[in-house]
Amino acid sequence: MAEGNVAADQLRLFIERIERLEEEKKGIADDVKDVYAEAKSNGYDTKTMRAIVRLRRMESHARQEADALLETYRNALGLA
């Protein structure tokens, strides 16, 4: 029965770690939301800022591929 207790204790520790990390993640998400709100109050467009953040997360080749595809679609629709 000791093995069952060890497994249960290990499982409980994993769950508790996940719960702590989820709380930290929520706190960070709230901080990010506050920064966007501050930027908006200073006249910045947060939708554009989010797009820039998303682009900066991408690797260079993936960003270039996405840009090329967007340009192709814009040209096809006469938006260029």
Protein backbone atom coordinates (compact mmCIF):
# COMPACT_ATOMS: atom_id res chain seq x y z
CA MET A 1 0.00 0.00 0.00
CA ALA A 2 3.01 2.27 0.43
CA GLU A 3 3.47 2.47 -3.34
CA GLY A 4 -0.11 3.71 -3.71
CA ASN A 5 0.56 6.44 -1.16
CA VAL A 6 3.77 7.44 -2.92
CA ALA A 7 1.96 7.66 -6.27
CA ALA A 8 -0.89 9.63 -4.69
CA ASP A 9 1.59 11.99 -3.01
CA GLN A 10 3.46 12.48 -6.28
CA LEU A 11 0.21 13.13 -8.14
CA ARG A 12 -0.87 15.65 -5.49
CA LEU A 13 2.48 17.46 -5.81
CA PHE A 14 2.10 17.64 -9.59
CA ILE A 15 -1.42 19.03 -9.24
CA GLU A 16 -0.29 21.61 -6.68
CA ARG A 17 2.59 22.72 -8.93
CA ILE A 18 0.20 23.10 -11.85
CA GLU A 19 -2.20 25.11 -9.72
CA ARG A 20 0.60 27.46 -8.60
CA LEU A 21 1.77 27.91 -12.18
CA GLU A 22 -1.80 28.61 -13.34
CA GLU A 23 -2.07 31.32 -10.67
CA GLU A 24 1.23 32.85 -11.79
CA LYS A 25 0.08 32.70 -15.40
CA LYS A 26 -3.14 34.52 -14.48
CA GLY A 27 -1.13 37.18 -12.67
CA ILE A 28 1.12 37.68 -15.67
CA ALA A 29 -1.88 37.84 -18.01
CA ASP A 30 -3.39 40.54 -15.78
CA ASP A 31 -0.10 42.47 -15.92
CA VAL A 32 -0.01 42.26 -19.72
CA LYS A 33 -3.62 43.49 -19.85
CA ASP A 34 -2.64 46.44 -17.66
CA VAL A 35 0.26 47.34 -19.97
CA TYR A 36 -2.04 47.30 -23.01
CA ALA A 37 -4.53 49.49 -21.14
CA GLU A 38 -1.76 51.94 -20.26
CA ALA A 39 -0.56 52.01 -23.87
CA LYS A 40 -4.12 52.62 -25.05
CA SER A 41 -4.53 55.50 -22.61
CA ASN A 42 -1.38 57.00 -24.16
CA GLY A 43 -2.92 56.88 -27.63
CA TYR A 44 -1.46 53.63 -28.98
CA ASP A 45 -3.56 51.19 -30.99
CA THR A 46 -3.50 47.97 -28.99
CA LYS A 47 -4.72 45.81 -31.87
CA THR A 48 -1.67 46.85 -33.88
CA MET A 49 0.58 46.37 -30.86
CA ARG A 50 -0.75 42.82 -30.42
CA ALA A 51 -0.04 42.13 -34.09
CA ILE A 52 3.54 43.39 -33.66
CA VAL A 53 4.05 41.23 -30.57
CA ARG A 54 2.73 38.23 -32.50
CA LEU A 55 5.07 38.98 -35.42
CA ARG A 56 8.09 39.38 -33.16
CA ARG A 57 7.40 35.95 -31.64
CA MET A 58 7.62 34.36 -35.08
CA GLU A 59 10.90 33.20 -36.55
CA SER A 60 12.17 35.32 -39.41
CA HIS A 61 11.48 32.78 -42.15
CA ALA A 62 7.94 32.13 -40.86
CA ARG A 63 7.26 35.87 -40.76
CA GLN A 64 8.58 36.30 -44.32
CA GLU A 65 6.43 33.41 -45.51
CA ALA A 66 3.33 34.88 -43.86
CA ASP A 67 4.08 38.32 -45.36
CA ALA A 68 4.50 36.81 -48.84
CA LEU A 69 1.25 34.89 -48.54
CA LEU A 70 -0.61 37.97 -47.32
CA GLU A 71 0.78 39.99 -50.24
CA THR A 72 -0.29 37.25 -52.68
CA TYR A 73 -3.84 37.26 -51.29
CA ARG A 74 -4.00 41.08 -51.30
CA ASN A 75 -2.90 41.16 -54.93
CA ALA A 76 -5.45 38.50 -55.87
CA LEU A 77 -8.21 40.55 -54.28
CA GLY A 78 -7.01 43.86 -55.71
CA LEU A 79 -6.09 45.30 -52.33
CA ALA A 80 -2.47 46.09 -53.16
